[in-house]
Structure formats: C-alpha cells, structure tokens
Amino acid sequence: MRSRRTIPIVADTYVDREFGTGALKITPGHDPNDFEIGQRLGLPIINVMNNDGTFNGNAGRFDGVERSEVRKQLWADLKVGFVVFMQLCSCAASLPCSRASAWASAWACNRIKPNPHIWHAT
C-alpha cells in the first residue's frame, strides 16, 4: 500500500546551499532542529508509533506491527530495491559511497557475484 501523502518542497535559511546538494529532508518529529524548521514552515508532525512499540495507521502496511519486525521488513525491502537498482544500472561507478562503489561497480559490470552476507544488519 502506497501513501497518497504529498511531500512539500520548501526553502529555509537553515539549509547551507554550499554543503552537499544544498537540499535537506525535514522530519519535524525527529529532532529539535527539524522540529523548529517544521514549526516555522507549518509542516505536520506525523506520529507513526503507538505507546506499546507497535506502528499505527500512519505507517501504512506496518499498522499494528512491532518495531523490531518493521526493521527486519524494511531491511528486506531495501535489499530488494538495491538489487533492482543495480540490475537497471549498466555501471555504478558514480555511486557516492567509495567503499560501496567499488563493489557495486564490479557487480554491475558483471565482474563479481553479489555476496548475500553483505546485507546482515547490525
């Protein structure tokens, strides 16, 4: 189930345009800086957790699921997404992470096979 929630693109003086991409993801319920920016811009704080550690209806398909199980499912989704991404790319040499780039580039160019153990979450 996909959310139909829109993600606003906003401008704020907090963002340093000379650092990185000059873009910043704001999650008002996550930390004090994001909260302050969210308040200034009128962004909603969306709670996805119940008091018992399960996710609520705002979490879509994870409604009622315990947080440790959600973490496992998200890791599995990320693995699938990365594999699909790598299969669509002819070469991943431009990936920004230098440690992952060499491995991913070699994999994408069919020089090595992916190691299934690389995905163990810590």
PDB file of N, CA and C in Angstrom:
ATOM      1  N   MET A   1       0.840  -1.184   0.000  1.00  0.00           N
ATOM      2  CA  MET A   1       0.000   0.000   0.000  1.00  0.00           C
ATOM      3  C   MET A   1       0.878   1.238   0.000  1.00  0.00           C
ATOM      4  N   ARG A   2       0.691   2.104  -0.936  1.00  0.00           N
ATOM      5  CA  ARG A   2       1.451   3.339  -1.015  1.00  0.00           C
ATOM      6  C   ARG A   2       0.649   4.469  -0.394  1.00  0.00           C
ATOM      7  N   SER A   3       1.369   5.380   0.251  1.00  0.00           N
ATOM      8  CA  SER A   3       0.734   6.552   0.833  1.00  0.00           C
ATOM      9  C   SER A   3       0.396   7.550  -0.272  1.00  0.00           C
ATOM     10  N   ARG A   4      -0.677   8.230  -0.108  1.00  0.00           N
ATOM     11  CA  ARG A   4      -1.053   9.290  -1.052  1.00  0.00           C
ATOM     12  C   ARG A   4      -0.628  10.654  -0.509  1.00  0.00           C
ATOM     13  N   ARG A   5       0.180  10.656   0.521  1.00  0.00           N
ATOM     14  CA  ARG A   5       0.632  11.893   1.144  1.00  0.00           C
ATOM     15  C   ARG A   5       1.629  12.598   0.224  1.00  0.00           C
ATOM     16  N   THR A   6       1.482  13.890   0.067  1.00  0.00           N
ATOM     17  CA  THR A   6       2.430  14.643  -0.748  1.00  0.00           C
ATOM     18  C   THR A   6       3.594  15.102   0.116  1.00  0.00           C
ATOM     19  N   ILE A   7       4.730  15.276  -0.506  1.00  0.00           N
ATOM     20  CA  ILE A   7       5.923  15.743   0.196  1.00  0.00           C
ATOM     21  C   ILE A   7       6.222  17.146  -0.310  1.00  0.00           C
ATOM     22  N   PRO A   8       6.067  18.139   0.559  1.00  0.00           N
ATOM     23  CA  PRO A   8       6.301  19.517   0.102  1.00  0.00           C
ATOM     24  C   PRO A   8       7.785  19.802  -0.110  1.00  0.00           C
ATOM     25  N   ILE A   9       8.086  20.634  -1.073  1.00  0.00           N
ATOM     26  CA  ILE A   9       9.439  21.136  -1.284  1.00  0.00           C
ATOM     27  C   ILE A   9       9.411  22.583  -0.825  1.00  0.00           C
ATOM     28  N   VAL A  10      10.236  22.894   0.157  1.00  0.00           N
ATOM     29  CA  VAL A  10      10.222  24.220   0.778  1.00  0.00           C
ATOM     30  C   VAL A  10      11.636  24.799   0.789  1.00  0.00           C
ATOM     31  N   ALA A  11      11.732  26.086   1.057  1.00  0.00           N
ATOM     32  CA  ALA A  11      13.028  26.758   1.197  1.00  0.00           C
ATOM     33  C   ALA A  11      13.136  27.277   2.618  1.00  0.00           C
ATOM     34  N   ASP A  12      14.341  27.209   3.179  1.00  0.00           N
ATOM     35  CA  ASP A  12      14.555  27.716   4.536  1.00  0.00           C
ATOM     36  C   ASP A  12      16.013  28.140   4.675  1.00  0.00           C
ATOM     37  N   THR A  13      16.254  29.146   5.486  1.00  0.00           N
ATOM     38  CA  THR A  13      17.609  29.658   5.679  1.00  0.00           C
ATOM     39  C   THR A  13      18.489  28.700   6.464  1.00  0.00           C
ATOM     40  N   TYR A  14      17.917  27.702   7.127  1.00  0.00           N
ATOM     41  CA  TYR A  14      18.701  26.731   7.892  1.00  0.00           C
ATOM     42  C   TYR A  14      19.619  25.911   6.982  1.00  0.00           C
ATOM     43  N   VAL A  15      19.193  25.683   5.753  1.00  0.00           N
ATOM     44  CA  VAL A  15      19.935  24.842   4.818  1.00  0.00           C
ATOM     45  C   VAL A  15      21.132  25.613   4.261  1.00  0.00           C
ATOM     46  N   ASP A  16      22.299  24.999   4.348  1.00  0.00           N
ATOM     47  CA  ASP A  16      23.519  25.573   3.786  1.00  0.00           C
ATOM     48  C   ASP A  16      23.624  25.121   2.327  1.00  0.00           C
ATOM     49  N   ARG A  17      23.360  26.035   1.409  1.00  0.00           N
ATOM     50  CA  ARG A  17      23.346  25.698  -0.020  1.00  0.00           C
ATOM     51  C   ARG A  17      24.722  25.304  -0.534  1.00  0.00           C
ATOM     52  N   GLU A  18      25.773  25.635   0.199  1.00  0.00           N
ATOM     53  CA  GLU A  18      27.133  25.296  -0.230  1.00  0.00           C
ATOM     54  C   GLU A  18      27.577  23.924   0.279  1.00  0.00           C
ATOM     55  N   PHE A  19      26.781  23.292   1.146  1.00  0.00           N
ATOM     56  CA  PHE A  19      27.135  21.990   1.717  1.00  0.00           C
ATOM     57  C   PHE A  19      26.391  20.892   0.980  1.00  0.00           C
ATOM     58  N   GLY A  20      27.114  19.940   0.454  1.00  0.00           N
ATOM     59  CA  GLY A  20      26.488  18.805  -0.229  1.00  0.00           C
ATOM     60  C   GLY A  20      25.622  19.250  -1.381  1.00  0.00           C
ATOM     61  N   THR A  21      24.402  18.749  -1.420  1.00  0.00           N
ATOM     62  CA  THR A  21      23.483  19.073  -2.513  1.00  0.00           C
ATOM     63  C   THR A  21      22.742  20.375  -2.272  1.00  0.00           C
ATOM     64  N   GLY A  22      22.792  20.879  -1.033  1.00  0.00           N
ATOM     65  CA  GLY A  22      22.019  22.066  -0.703  1.00  0.00           C
ATOM     66  C   GLY A  22      20.578  21.743  -0.379  1.00  0.00           C
ATOM     67  N   ALA A  23      20.253  20.463  -0.343  1.00  0.00           N
ATOM     68  CA  ALA A  23      18.897  20.010  -0.017  1.00  0.00           C
ATOM     69  C   ALA A  23      18.924  19.315   1.340  1.00  0.00           C
ATOM     70  N   LEU A  24      17.810  19.351   2.025  1.00  0.00           N
ATOM     71  CA  LEU A  24      17.714  18.748   3.353  1.00  0.00           C
ATOM     72  C   LEU A  24      16.321  18.167   3.540  1.00  0.00           C
ATOM     73  N   LYS A  25      16.248  16.932   4.033  1.00  0.00           N
ATOM     74  CA  LYS A  25      14.971  16.306   4.364  1.00  0.00           C
ATOM     75  C   LYS A  25      14.616  16.727   5.792  1.00  0.00           C
ATOM     76  N   ILE A  26      13.424  17.229   5.978  1.00  0.00           N
ATOM     77  CA  ILE A  26      12.974  17.682   7.292  1.00  0.00           C
ATOM     78  C   ILE A  26      11.934  16.707   7.830  1.00  0.00           C
ATOM     79  N   THR A  27      12.176  16.204   9.035  1.00  0.00           N
ATOM     80  CA  THR A  27      11.235  15.326   9.727  1.00  0.00           C
ATOM     81  C   THR A  27      10.920  15.976  11.069  1.00  0.00           C
ATOM     82  N   PRO A  28       9.862  16.804  11.121  1.00  0.00           N
ATOM     83  CA  PRO A  28       9.603  17.619  12.315  1.00  0.00           C
ATOM     84  C   PRO A  28       9.498  16.867  13.646  1.00  0.00           C
ATOM     85  N   GLY A  29       9.117  15.607  13.621  1.00  0.00           N
ATOM     86  CA  GLY A  29       9.008  14.852  14.860  1.00  0.00           C
ATOM     87  C   GLY A  29      10.284  14.124  15.234  1.00  0.00           C
ATOM     88  N   HIS A  30      11.373  14.339  14.492  1.00  0.00           N
ATOM     89  CA  HIS A  30      12.583  13.548  14.680  1.00  0.00           C
ATOM     90  C   HIS A  30      13.614  14.176  15.611  1.00  0.00           C
ATOM     91  N   ASP A  31      13.919  15.438  15.438  1.00  0.00           N
ATOM     92  CA  ASP A  31      14.927  16.077  16.294  1.00  0.00           C
ATOM     93  C   ASP A  31      14.602  17.555  16.469  1.00  0.00           C
ATOM     94  N   PRO A  32      15.257  18.228  17.422  1.00  0.00           N
ATOM     95  CA  PRO A  32      14.930  19.632  17.717  1.00  0.00           C
ATOM     96  C   PRO A  32      15.099  20.581  16.526  1.00  0.00           C
ATOM     97  N   ASN A  33      16.145  20.401  15.716  1.00  0.00           N
ATOM     98  CA  ASN A  33      16.330  21.295  14.563  1.00  0.00           C
ATOM     99  C   ASN A  33      15.210  21.122  13.553  1.00  0.00           C
ATOM    100  N   ASP A  34      14.883  19.867  13.249  1.00  0.00           N
ATOM    101  CA  ASP A  34      13.785  19.605  12.314  1.00  0.00           C
ATOM    102  C   ASP A  34      12.453  20.103  12.876  1.00  0.00           C
ATOM    103  N   PHE A  35      12.272  19.966  14.185  1.00  0.00           N
ATOM    104  CA  PHE A  35      11.046  20.447  14.832  1.00  0.00           C
ATOM    105  C   PHE A  35      10.918  21.955  14.642  1.00  0.00           C
ATOM    106  N   GLU A  36      11.999  22.673  14.899  1.00  0.00           N
ATOM    107  CA  GLU A  36      11.983  24.135  14.775  1.00  0.00           C
ATOM    108  C   GLU A  36      11.674  24.560  13.335  1.00  0.00           C
ATOM    109  N   ILE A  37      12.305  23.927  12.375  1.00  0.00           N
ATOM    110  CA  ILE A  37      12.050  24.247  10.966  1.00  0.00           C
ATOM    111  C   ILE A  37      10.604  23.910  10.607  1.00  0.00           C
ATOM    112  N   GLY A  38      10.149  22.764  11.059  1.00  0.00           N
ATOM    113  CA  GLY A  38       8.771  22.349  10.793  1.00  0.00           C
ATOM    114  C   GLY A  38       7.758  23.330  11.354  1.00  0.00           C
ATOM    115  N   GLN A  39       8.009  23.825  12.567  1.00  0.00           N
ATOM    116  CA  GLN A  39       7.113  24.809  13.174  1.00  0.00           C
ATOM    117  C   GLN A  39       7.099  26.097  12.357  1.00  0.00           C
ATOM    118  N   ARG A  40       8.265  26.542  11.952  1.00  0.00           N
ATOM    119  CA  ARG A  40       8.392  27.778  11.185  1.00  0.00           C
ATOM    120  C   ARG A  40       7.668  27.670   9.833  1.00  0.00           C
ATOM    121  N   LEU A  41       7.706  26.479   9.225  1.00  0.00           N
ATOM    122  CA  LEU A  41       7.126  26.293   7.900  1.00  0.00           C
ATOM    123  C   LEU A  41       5.723  25.673   7.922  1.00  0.00           C
ATOM    124  N   GLY A  42       5.222  25.383   9.125  1.00  0.00           N
ATOM    125  CA  GLY A  42       3.881  24.814   9.237  1.00  0.00           C
ATOM    126  C   GLY A  42       3.786  23.375   8.761  1.00  0.00           C
ATOM    127  N   LEU A  43       4.891  22.615   8.894  1.00  0.00           N
ATOM    128  CA  LEU A  43       4.877  21.213   8.483  1.00  0.00           C
ATOM    129  C   LEU A  43       4.256  20.344   9.573  1.00  0.00           C
ATOM    130  N   PRO A  44       3.507  19.321   9.207  1.00  0.00           N
ATOM    131  CA  PRO A  44       2.876  18.462  10.217  1.00  0.00           C
ATOM    132  C   PRO A  44       3.886  17.530  10.885  1.00  0.00           C
ATOM    133  N   ILE A  45       3.600  17.198  12.138  1.00  0.00           N
ATOM    134  CA  ILE A  45       4.363  16.167  12.843  1.00  0.00           C
ATOM    135  C   ILE A  45       3.516  14.907  12.756  1.00  0.00           C
ATOM    136  N   ILE A  46       4.035  13.899  12.082  1.00  0.00           N
ATOM    137  CA  ILE A  46       3.267  12.673  11.865  1.00  0.00           C
ATOM    138  C   ILE A  46       3.823  11.581  12.766  1.00  0.00           C
ATOM    139  N   ASN A  47       3.007  11.172  13.742  1.00  0.00           N
ATOM    140  CA  ASN A  47       3.390  10.114  14.669  1.00  0.00           C
ATOM    141  C   ASN A  47       3.037   8.764  14.043  1.00  0.00           C
ATOM    142  N   VAL A  48       4.009   7.859  13.987  1.00  0.00           N
ATOM    143  CA  VAL A  48       3.757   6.532  13.418  1.00  0.00           C
ATOM    144  C   VAL A  48       3.816   5.421  14.465  1.00  0.00           C
ATOM    145  N   MET A  49       4.069   5.794  15.736  1.00  0.00           N
ATOM    146  CA  MET A  49       4.247   4.780  16.783  1.00  0.00           C
ATOM    147  C   MET A  49       3.132   4.828  17.827  1.00  0.00           C
ATOM    148  N   ASN A  50       2.740   3.646  18.275  1.00  0.00           N
ATOM    149  CA  ASN A  50       1.855   3.516  19.424  1.00  0.00           C
ATOM    150  C   ASN A  50       2.716   3.438  20.683  1.00  0.00           C
ATOM    151  N   ASN A  51       2.118   3.652  21.838  1.00  0.00           N
ATOM    152  CA  ASN A  51       2.859   3.599  23.109  1.00  0.00           C
ATOM    153  C   ASN A  51       3.445   2.223  23.400  1.00  0.00           C
ATOM    154  N   ASP A  52       2.884   1.173  22.820  1.00  0.00           N
ATOM    155  CA  ASP A  52       3.376  -0.182  23.087  1.00  0.00           C
ATOM    156  C   ASP A  52       4.502  -0.621  22.144  1.00  0.00           C
ATOM    157  N   GLY A  53       4.996   0.284  21.305  1.00  0.00           N
ATOM    158  CA  GLY A  53       6.097  -0.047  20.409  1.00  0.00           C
ATOM    159  C   GLY A  53       5.664  -0.614  19.067  1.00  0.00           C
ATOM    160  N   THR A  54       4.363  -0.665  18.824  1.00  0.00           N
ATOM    161  CA  THR A  54       3.883  -1.074  17.515  1.00  0.00           C
ATOM    162  C   THR A  54       3.631   0.176  16.680  1.00  0.00           C
ATOM    163  N   PHE A  55       3.557  -0.019  15.385  1.00  0.00           N
ATOM    164  CA  PHE A  55       3.288   1.105  14.493  1.00  0.00           C
ATOM    165  C   PHE A  55       1.781   1.294  14.353  1.00  0.00           C
ATOM    166  N   ASN A  56       1.375   2.537  14.073  1.00  0.00           N
ATOM    167  CA  ASN A  56      -0.047   2.842  13.949  1.00  0.00           C
ATOM    168  C   ASN A  56      -0.444   2.984  12.481  1.00  0.00           C
ATOM    169  N   GLY A  57      -1.671   3.408  12.240  1.00  0.00           N
ATOM    170  CA  GLY A  57      -2.205   3.531  10.891  1.00  0.00           C
ATOM    171  C   GLY A  57      -1.436   4.476   9.986  1.00  0.00           C
ATOM    172  N   ASN A  58      -0.716   5.447  10.563  1.00  0.00           N
ATOM    173  CA  ASN A  58       0.093   6.356   9.747  1.00  0.00           C
ATOM    174  C   ASN A  58       1.275   5.642   9.093  1.00  0.00           C
ATOM    175  N   ALA A  59       1.566   4.438   9.533  1.00  0.00           N
ATOM    176  CA  ALA A  59       2.695   3.677   8.989  1.00  0.00           C
ATOM    177  C   ALA A  59       2.273   2.740   7.855  1.00  0.00           C
ATOM    178  N   GLY A  60       1.069   2.911   7.361  1.00  0.00           N
ATOM    179  CA  GLY A  60       0.607   2.123   6.217  1.00  0.00           C
ATOM    180  C   GLY A  60       0.580   0.633   6.498  1.00  0.00           C
ATOM    181  N   ARG A  61       1.284  -0.132   5.687  1.00  0.00           N
ATOM    182  CA  ARG A  61       1.245  -1.593   5.803  1.00  0.00           C
ATOM    183  C   ARG A  61       1.849  -2.110   7.098  1.00  0.00           C
ATOM    184  N   PHE A  62       2.519  -1.255   7.860  1.00  0.00           N
ATOM    185  CA  PHE A  62       3.111  -1.678   9.127  1.00  0.00           C
ATOM    186  C   PHE A  62       2.186  -1.430  10.320  1.00  0.00           C
ATOM    187  N   ASP A  63       0.955  -1.043  10.067  1.00  0.00           N
ATOM    188  CA  ASP A  63      -0.007  -0.794  11.137  1.00  0.00           C
ATOM    189  C   ASP A  63      -0.133  -2.038  12.022  1.00  0.00           C
ATOM    190  N   GLY A  64       0.114  -1.861  13.315  1.00  0.00           N
ATOM    191  CA  GLY A  64      -0.009  -2.944  14.285  1.00  0.00           C
ATOM    192  C   GLY A  64       1.223  -3.825  14.407  1.00  0.00           C
ATOM    193  N   VAL A  65       2.249  -3.584  13.601  1.00  0.00           N
ATOM    194  CA  VAL A  65       3.448  -4.421  13.608  1.00  0.00           C
ATOM    195  C   VAL A  65       4.460  -3.864  14.614  1.00  0.00           C
ATOM    196  N   GLU A  66       5.116  -4.765  15.369  1.00  0.00           N
ATOM    197  CA  GLU A  66       6.110  -4.375  16.374  1.00  0.00           C
ATOM    198  C   GLU A  66       7.358  -3.809  15.696  1.00  0.00           C
ATOM    199  N   ARG A  67       7.997  -2.832  16.338  1.00  0.00           N
ATOM    200  CA  ARG A  67       9.094  -2.081  15.704  1.00  0.00           C
ATOM    201  C   ARG A  67      10.261  -2.959  15.248  1.00  0.00           C
ATOM    202  N   SER A  68      10.605  -4.008  15.976  1.00  0.00           N
ATOM    203  CA  SER A  68      11.728  -4.846  15.548  1.00  0.00           C
ATOM    204  C   SER A  68      11.378  -5.625  14.283  1.00  0.00           C
ATOM    205  N   GLU A  69      10.117  -6.007  14.135  1.00  0.00           N
ATOM    206  CA  GLU A  69       9.683  -6.702  12.922  1.00  0.00           C
ATOM    207  C   GLU A  69       9.655  -5.733  11.735  1.00  0.00           C
ATOM    208  N   VAL A  70       9.239  -4.498  11.979  1.00  0.00           N
ATOM    209  CA  VAL A  70       9.240  -3.491  10.914  1.00  0.00           C
ATOM    210  C   VAL A  70      10.659  -3.276  10.415  1.00  0.00           C
ATOM    211  N   ARG A  71      11.609  -3.223  11.345  1.00  0.00           N
ATOM    212  CA  ARG A  71      13.010  -3.034  10.960  1.00  0.00           C
ATOM    213  C   ARG A  71      13.477  -4.161  10.029  1.00  0.00           C
ATOM    214  N   LYS A  72      13.137  -5.392  10.369  1.00  0.00           N
ATOM    215  CA  LYS A  72      13.509  -6.535   9.520  1.00  0.00           C
ATOM    216  C   LYS A  72      12.883  -6.411   8.132  1.00  0.00           C
ATOM    217  N   GLN A  73      11.612  -6.041   8.104  1.00  0.00           N
ATOM    218  CA  GLN A  73      10.917  -5.929   6.824  1.00  0.00           C
ATOM    219  C   GLN A  73      11.495  -4.792   5.976  1.00  0.00           C
ATOM    220  N   LEU A  74      11.856  -3.682   6.617  1.00  0.00           N
ATOM    221  CA  LEU A  74      12.446  -2.566   5.876  1.00  0.00           C
ATOM    222  C   LEU A  74      13.799  -2.945   5.296  1.00  0.00           C
ATOM    223  N   TRP A  75      14.619  -3.668   6.069  1.00  0.00           N
ATOM    224  CA  TRP A  75      15.906  -4.135   5.547  1.00  0.00           C
ATOM    225  C   TRP A  75      15.694  -5.026   4.324  1.00  0.00           C
ATOM    226  N   ALA A  76      14.706  -5.909   4.401  1.00  0.00           N
ATOM    227  CA  ALA A  76      14.416  -6.790   3.270  1.00  0.00           C
ATOM    228  C   ALA A  76      13.994  -5.972   2.052  1.00  0.00           C
ATOM    229  N   ASP A  77      13.160  -4.948   2.267  1.00  0.00           N
ATOM    230  CA  ASP A  77      12.722  -4.085   1.169  1.00  0.00           C
ATOM    231  C   ASP A  77      13.905  -3.331   0.560  1.00  0.00           C
ATOM    232  N   LEU A  78      14.819  -2.849   1.412  1.00  0.00           N
ATOM    233  CA  LEU A  78      15.987  -2.127   0.912  1.00  0.00           C
ATOM    234  C   LEU A  78      16.877  -3.035   0.080  1.00  0.00           C
ATOM    235  N   LYS A  79      17.032  -4.277   0.518  1.00  0.00           N
ATOM    236  CA  LYS A  79      17.838  -5.224  -0.247  1.00  0.00           C
ATOM    237  C   LYS A  79      17.254  -5.435  -1.635  1.00  0.00           C
ATOM    238  N   VAL A  80      15.953  -5.654  -1.706  1.00  0.00           N
ATOM    239  CA  VAL A  80      15.292  -5.871  -2.987  1.00  0.00           C
ATOM    240  C   VAL A  80      15.434  -4.629  -3.860  1.00  0.00           C
ATOM    241  N   GLY A  81      15.216  -3.467  -3.281  1.00  0.00           N
ATOM    242  CA  GLY A  81      15.330  -2.218  -4.035  1.00  0.00           C
ATOM    243  C   GLY A  81      16.729  -1.998  -4.570  1.00  0.00           C
ATOM    244  N   PHE A  82      17.747  -2.312  -3.777  1.00  0.00           N
ATOM    245  CA  PHE A  82      19.121  -2.133  -4.222  1.00  0.00           C
ATOM    246  C   PHE A  82      19.445  -3.099  -5.354  1.00  0.00           C
ATOM    247  N   VAL A  83      18.996  -4.325  -5.235  1.00  0.00           N
ATOM    248  CA  VAL A  83      19.244  -5.312  -6.291  1.00  0.00           C
ATOM    249  C   VAL A  83      18.591  -4.853  -7.589  1.00  0.00           C
ATOM    250  N   VAL A  84      17.352  -4.379  -7.499  1.00  0.00           N
ATOM    251  CA  VAL A  84      16.662  -3.903  -8.699  1.00  0.00           C
ATOM    252  C   VAL A  84      17.413  -2.707  -9.285  1.00  0.00           C
ATOM    253  N   PHE A  85      17.822  -1.787  -8.432  1.00  0.00           N
ATOM    254  CA  PHE A  85      18.578  -0.615  -8.887  1.00  0.00           C
ATOM    255  C   PHE A  85      19.847  -1.049  -9.615  1.00  0.00           C
ATOM    256  N   MET A  86      20.573  -1.974  -9.023  1.00  0.00           N
ATOM    257  CA  MET A  86      21.835  -2.413  -9.617  1.00  0.00           C
ATOM    258  C   MET A  86      21.597  -3.136 -10.941  1.00  0.00           C
ATOM    259  N   GLN A  87      20.498  -3.852 -11.049  1.00  0.00           N
ATOM    260  CA  GLN A  87      20.204  -4.552 -12.295  1.00  0.00           C
ATOM    261  C   GLN A  87      19.844  -3.570 -13.406  1.00  0.00           C
ATOM    262  N   LEU A  88      19.272  -2.426 -13.037  1.00  0.00           N
ATOM    263  CA  LEU A  88      18.891  -1.430 -14.028  1.00  0.00           C
ATOM    264  C   LEU A  88      20.076  -0.590 -14.489  1.00  0.00           C
ATOM    265  N   CYS A  89      21.109  -0.495 -13.665  1.00  0.00           N
ATOM    266  CA  CYS A  89      22.280   0.321 -13.996  1.00  0.00           C
ATOM    267  C   CYS A  89      23.268  -0.490 -14.813  1.00  0.00           C
ATOM    268  N   SER A  90      23.820   0.129 -15.805  1.00  0.00           N
ATOM    269  CA  SER A  90      24.840  -0.570 -16.582  1.00  0.00           C
ATOM    270  C   SER A  90      26.175  -0.550 -15.853  1.00  0.00           C
ATOM    271  N   CYS A  91      26.396   0.487 -15.053  1.00  0.00           N
ATOM    272  CA  CYS A  91      27.628   0.567 -14.272  1.00  0.00           C
ATOM    273  C   CYS A  91      27.377   1.533 -13.129  1.00  0.00           C
ATOM    274  N   ALA A  92      27.790   1.173 -11.909  1.00  0.00           N
ATOM    275  CA  ALA A  92      27.514   2.002 -10.727  1.00  0.00           C
ATOM    276  C   ALA A  92      28.745   2.746 -10.246  1.00  0.00           C
ATOM    277  N   ALA A  93      29.687   3.015 -11.131  1.00  0.00           N
ATOM    278  CA  ALA A  93      30.928   3.677 -10.722  1.00  0.00           C
ATOM    279  C   ALA A  93      30.691   5.067 -10.172  1.00  0.00           C
ATOM    280  N   SER A  94      29.547   5.656 -10.451  1.00  0.00           N
ATOM    281  CA  SER A  94      29.286   7.010  -9.986  1.00  0.00           C
ATOM    282  C   SER A  94      28.617   7.053  -8.619  1.00  0.00           C
ATOM    283  N   LEU A  95      28.435   5.902  -7.959  1.00  0.00           N
ATOM    284  CA  LEU A  95      27.834   5.911  -6.627  1.00  0.00           C
ATOM    285  C   LEU A  95      28.691   6.738  -5.679  1.00  0.00           C
ATOM    286  N   PRO A  96      28.071   7.532  -4.803  1.00  0.00           N
ATOM    287  CA  PRO A  96      28.838   8.434  -3.945  1.00  0.00           C
ATOM    288  C   PRO A  96      29.646   7.752  -2.843  1.00  0.00           C
ATOM    289  N   CYS A  97      29.265   6.568  -2.412  1.00  0.00           N
ATOM    290  CA  CYS A  97      29.972   5.900  -1.316  1.00  0.00           C
ATOM    291  C   CYS A  97      31.170   5.146  -1.878  1.00  0.00           C
ATOM    292  N   SER A  98      32.372   5.566  -1.527  1.00  0.00           N
ATOM    293  CA  SER A  98      33.564   4.979  -2.127  1.00  0.00           C
ATOM    294  C   SER A  98      33.734   3.510  -1.756  1.00  0.00           C
ATOM    295  N   ARG A  99      33.395   3.123  -0.518  1.00  0.00           N
ATOM    296  CA  ARG A  99      33.553   1.716  -0.133  1.00  0.00           C
ATOM    297  C   ARG A  99      32.563   0.838  -0.875  1.00  0.00           C
ATOM    298  N   ALA A 100      31.335   1.299  -1.034  1.00  0.00           N
ATOM    299  CA  ALA A 100      30.327   0.509  -1.728  1.00  0.00           C
ATOM    300  C   ALA A 100      30.517   0.582  -3.234  1.00  0.00           C
ATOM    301  N   SER A 101      31.069   1.686  -3.701  1.00  0.00           N
ATOM    302  CA  SER A 101      31.152   1.916  -5.131  1.00  0.00           C
ATOM    303  C   SER A 101      31.983   0.865  -5.854  1.00  0.00           C
ATOM    304  N   ALA A 102      33.140   0.514  -5.323  1.00  0.00           N
ATOM    305  CA  ALA A 102      33.997  -0.465  -5.995  1.00  0.00           C
ATOM    306  C   ALA A 102      33.292  -1.806  -6.102  1.00  0.00           C
ATOM    307  N   TRP A 103      32.660  -2.231  -5.001  1.00  0.00           N
ATOM    308  CA  TRP A 103      31.935  -3.499  -5.002  1.00  0.00           C
ATOM    309  C   TRP A 103      30.746  -3.425  -5.957  1.00  0.00           C
ATOM    310  N   ALA A 104      29.967  -2.357  -5.850  1.00  0.00           N
ATOM    311  CA  ALA A 104      28.768  -2.226  -6.670  1.00  0.00           C
ATOM    312  C   ALA A 104      29.121  -2.087  -8.142  1.00  0.00           C
ATOM    313  N   SER A 105      30.167  -1.340  -8.421  1.00  0.00           N
ATOM    314  CA  SER A 105      30.580  -1.159  -9.803  1.00  0.00           C
ATOM    315  C   SER A 105      30.989  -2.493 -10.423  1.00  0.00           C
ATOM    316  N   ALA A 106      31.777  -3.254  -9.693  1.00  0.00           N
ATOM    317  CA  ALA A 106      32.216  -4.555 -10.198  1.00  0.00           C
ATOM    318  C   ALA A 106      31.023  -5.490 -10.392  1.00  0.00           C
ATOM    319  N   TRP A 107      30.086  -5.435  -9.456  1.00  0.00           N
ATOM    320  CA  TRP A 107      28.901  -6.283  -9.564  1.00  0.00           C
ATOM    321  C   TRP A 107      28.070  -5.865 -10.780  1.00  0.00           C
ATOM    322  N   ALA A 108      27.841  -4.557 -10.918  1.00  0.00           N
ATOM    323  CA  ALA A 108      27.008  -4.068 -12.008  1.00  0.00           C
ATOM    324  C   ALA A 108      27.633  -4.377 -13.360  1.00  0.00           C
ATOM    325  N   CYS A 109      28.932  -4.402 -13.422  1.00  0.00           N
ATOM    326  CA  CYS A 109      29.629  -4.697 -14.676  1.00  0.00           C
ATOM    327  C   CYS A 109      29.881  -6.192 -14.838  1.00  0.00           C
ATOM    328  N   ASN A 110      29.232  -7.017 -14.001  1.00  0.00           N
ATOM    329  CA  ASN A 110      29.294  -8.482 -14.082  1.00  0.00           C
ATOM    330  C   ASN A 110      30.689  -9.058 -13.869  1.00  0.00           C
ATOM    331  N   ARG A 111      31.513  -8.393 -13.078  1.00  0.00           N
ATOM    332  CA  ARG A 111      32.845  -8.937 -12.814  1.00  0.00           C
ATOM    333  C   ARG A 111      32.854  -9.817 -11.571  1.00  0.00           C
ATOM    334  N   ILE A 112      31.917  -9.568 -10.639  1.00  0.00           N
ATOM    335  CA  ILE A 112      31.812 -10.413  -9.453  1.00  0.00           C
ATOM    336  C   ILE A 112      30.345 -10.706  -9.203  1.00  0.00           C
ATOM    337  N   LYS A 113      30.090 -11.715  -8.388  1.00  0.00           N
ATOM    338  CA  LYS A 113      28.723 -12.025  -7.994  1.00  0.00           C
ATOM    339  C   LYS A 113      28.469 -11.380  -6.631  1.00  0.00           C
ATOM    340  N   PRO A 114      27.224 -10.933  -6.355  1.00  0.00           N
ATOM    341  CA  PRO A 114      26.930 -10.312  -5.067  1.00  0.00           C
ATOM    342  C   PRO A 114      27.093 -11.299  -3.917  1.00  0.00           C
ATOM    343  N   ASN A 115      27.571 -10.802  -2.810  1.00  0.00           N
ATOM    344  CA  ASN A 115      27.740 -11.611  -1.609  1.00  0.00           C
ATOM    345  C   ASN A 115      26.493 -11.454  -0.750  1.00  0.00           C
ATOM    346  N   PRO A 116      25.697 -12.526  -0.549  1.00  0.00           N
ATOM    347  CA  PRO A 116      24.463 -12.384   0.228  1.00  0.00           C
ATOM    348  C   PRO A 116      24.716 -12.019   1.685  1.00  0.00           C
ATOM    349  N   HIS A 117      25.932 -12.230   2.186  1.00  0.00           N
ATOM    350  CA  HIS A 117      26.221 -11.918   3.583  1.00  0.00           C
ATOM    351  C   HIS A 117      26.458 -10.435   3.826  1.00  0.00           C
ATOM    352  N   ILE A 118      26.579  -9.654   2.765  1.00  0.00           N
ATOM    353  CA  ILE A 118      26.838  -8.228   2.933  1.00  0.00           C
ATOM    354  C   ILE A 118      25.634  -7.511   3.547  1.00  0.00           C
ATOM    355  N   TRP A 119      24.474  -8.136   3.506  1.00  0.00           N
ATOM    356  CA  TRP A 119      23.251  -7.471   3.947  1.00  0.00           C
ATOM    357  C   TRP A 119      22.891  -7.710   5.406  1.00  0.00           C
ATOM    358  N   HIS A 120      23.719  -8.389   6.175  1.00  0.00           N
ATOM    359  CA  HIS A 120      23.360  -8.619   7.576  1.00  0.00           C
ATOM    360  C   HIS A 120      23.319  -7.309   8.340  1.00  0.00           C
ATOM    361  N   ALA A 121      22.181  -7.028   8.924  1.00  0.00           N
ATOM    362  CA  ALA A 121      22.002  -5.787   9.694  1.00  0.00           C
ATOM    363  C   ALA A 121      22.709  -5.913  11.031  1.00  0.00           C
ATOM    364  N   THR A 122      23.255  -4.803  11.502  1.00  0.00           N
ATOM    365  CA  THR A 122      23.916  -4.801  12.809  1.00  0.00           C
ATOM    366  C   THR A 122      23.072  -4.074  13.816  1.00  0.00           C
TER     367      THR A 122
END
